[in-house]
Protein backbone atom coordinates (compact mmCIF):
# COMPACT_ATOMS: atom_id res chain seq x y z
CA UNK A 1 26.25 9.30 -26.39
CA UNK A 2 25.35 11.87 -29.05
CA UNK A 3 23.99 10.60 -32.37
CA UNK A 4 26.13 11.34 -35.41
CA UNK A 5 23.30 10.90 -37.94
CA UNK A 6 19.58 10.31 -38.14
CA UNK A 7 18.33 6.71 -38.30
CA UNK A 8 17.09 5.22 -41.55
CA UNK A 9 13.51 5.43 -40.24
CA UNK A 10 13.93 9.12 -39.40
CA UNK A 11 15.43 9.74 -42.85
CA UNK A 12 12.39 8.09 -44.45
CA UNK A 13 10.11 10.46 -42.51
CA UNK A 14 12.13 13.47 -43.70
CA UNK A 15 12.12 12.12 -47.25
CA UNK A 16 8.32 11.92 -47.23
CA UNK A 17 8.09 15.50 -45.93
CA UNK A 18 10.51 16.76 -48.59
CA UNK A 19 8.74 14.93 -51.41
CA UNK A 20 5.43 16.47 -50.34
CA UNK A 21 7.00 19.97 -50.28
CA UNK A 22 8.73 19.28 -53.61
CA UNK A 23 5.46 18.30 -55.28
CA UNK A 24 3.80 21.49 -54.02
CA UNK A 25 6.75 23.62 -55.10
CA UNK A 26 6.75 22.09 -58.60
CA UNK A 27 3.01 22.76 -58.93
CA UNK A 28 3.53 26.37 -57.90
CA UNK A 29 6.43 26.76 -60.35
CA UNK A 30 4.26 25.34 -63.14
CA UNK A 31 1.53 27.89 -62.36
CA UNK A 32 4.04 30.75 -62.30
CA UNK A 33 5.62 29.60 -65.57
CA UNK A 34 2.22 29.33 -67.24
CA UNK A 35 1.30 32.85 -66.13
CA UNK A 36 4.57 34.16 -67.57
CA UNK A 37 3.88 32.51 -70.91
CA UNK A 38 0.29 33.68 -71.21
CA UNK A 39 -0.50 36.91 -73.01
CA UNK A 40 -2.26 39.82 -71.34
CA UNK A 41 -5.83 38.55 -71.16
CA UNK A 42 -7.33 41.92 -70.24
CA UNK A 43 -6.59 43.35 -73.67
CA UNK A 44 -6.13 47.09 -74.03
CA UNK A 45 -6.81 47.36 -77.75
CA UNK A 46 -9.99 49.40 -77.31
CA UNK A 47 -8.65 51.83 -74.70
CA UNK A 48 -6.90 55.15 -75.15
CA UNK A 49 -3.15 55.21 -75.72
CA UNK A 50 -2.42 56.74 -72.28
CA UNK A 51 -4.24 53.93 -70.53
CA UNK A 52 -2.65 51.33 -72.78
CA UNK A 53 0.81 52.62 -71.81
CA UNK A 54 -0.08 52.44 -68.12
CA UNK A 55 -1.48 48.95 -68.58
CA UNK A 56 1.63 47.81 -70.46
CA UNK A 57 3.86 49.17 -67.68
CA UNK A 58 1.78 47.42 -65.06
CA UNK A 59 1.91 44.20 -67.06
CA UNK A 60 5.70 44.43 -67.36
CA UNK A 61 6.06 45.00 -63.62
CA UNK A 62 3.79 42.03 -62.92
CA UNK A 63 5.80 39.79 -65.25
CA UNK A 64 9.07 40.85 -63.59
CA UNK A 65 7.62 40.08 -60.17
CA UNK A 66 6.31 36.71 -61.34
CA UNK A 67 9.67 35.94 -62.93
CA UNK A 68 11.44 36.64 -59.61
CA UNK A 69 8.97 34.38 -57.79
CA UNK A 70 9.58 31.64 -60.36
CA UNK A 71 13.36 31.96 -59.93
CA UNK A 72 13.00 31.70 -56.14
CA UNK A 73 10.72 28.71 -56.52
CA UNK A 74 13.22 27.00 -58.83
CA UNK A 75 16.01 27.55 -56.29
CA UNK A 76 13.76 26.11 -53.55
CA UNK A 77 13.14 23.03 -55.72
CA UNK A 78 16.87 22.60 -56.33
CA UNK A 79 17.54 22.88 -52.58
CA UNK A 80 14.88 20.26 -51.82
CA UNK A 81 16.33 17.94 -54.46
CA UNK A 82 19.79 18.39 -52.94
CA UNK A 83 18.29 17.47 -49.56
CA UNK A 84 16.97 14.23 -51.09
CA UNK A 85 20.51 13.44 -52.28
CA UNK A 86 21.80 14.01 -48.74
CA UNK A 87 19.13 11.61 -47.46
CA UNK A 88 20.31 8.96 -49.92
CA UNK A 89 23.92 9.59 -48.81
CA UNK A 90 22.78 9.45 -45.15
CA UNK A 91 24.32 12.86 -44.51
CA UNK A 92 20.97 14.67 -44.21
CA UNK A 93 20.50 16.71 -41.06
CA UNK A 94 24.18 17.11 -40.30
CA UNK A 95 25.22 20.76 -40.01
CA UNK A 96 27.88 21.58 -42.58
CA UNK A 97 29.46 24.08 -40.16
CA UNK A 98 29.41 22.37 -36.76
CA UNK A 99 29.13 18.72 -37.85
CA UNK A 100 26.38 18.20 -35.28
CA UNK A 101 22.83 17.08 -35.95
CA UNK A 102 20.38 19.82 -36.89
CA UNK A 103 17.31 19.69 -34.66
CA UNK A 104 14.28 17.86 -36.00
CA UNK A 105 12.15 20.96 -35.38
CA UNK A 106 14.39 23.03 -37.64
CA UNK A 107 14.43 20.34 -40.33
CA UNK A 108 10.65 20.11 -40.26
CA UNK A 109 10.37 23.88 -40.66
CA UNK A 110 13.18 24.25 -43.23
CA UNK A 111 13.76 20.75 -44.63
CA UNK A 112 16.44 21.86 -47.10
CA UNK A 113 18.65 23.58 -44.51
CA UNK A 114 22.29 22.60 -44.17
CA UNK A 115 22.99 24.63 -41.03
CA UNK A 116 21.88 24.39 -37.43
CA UNK A 117 20.42 27.40 -35.65
CA UNK A 118 23.71 27.74 -33.78
CA UNK A 119 25.72 27.94 -37.02
CA UNK A 120 23.21 30.31 -38.62
CA UNK A 121 23.38 32.70 -35.62
CA UNK A 122 27.18 32.68 -35.67
CA UNK A 123 27.10 33.55 -39.37
CA UNK A 124 25.69 37.00 -38.54
CA UNK A 125 28.04 37.90 -35.70
């Protein structure tokens, strides 16, 4: 007989994994946010105007890149938090496309996933 959901003990194991990843992701987001809020520490006040313009452009590009990383990190955090809700609802690990259990290996690698490998492959056909 095929299982329709993971056991409470298995869900606890996944919850611990997700909380650990969530803590790391929140730390990384905090670091990214702090770097976005900090001023340019290199200071270009004493350099020529051409170099200052280049430095300002580089700084802007860096901030845009950091901002994109922060946005990705925030989305990752939201996905992990949604996974915790699914654990509480005891629906965690059930593929939203096929209704079958997602393999433990996949959940360990991508703990916030809502699709099995089978469903993900069919998505791109």
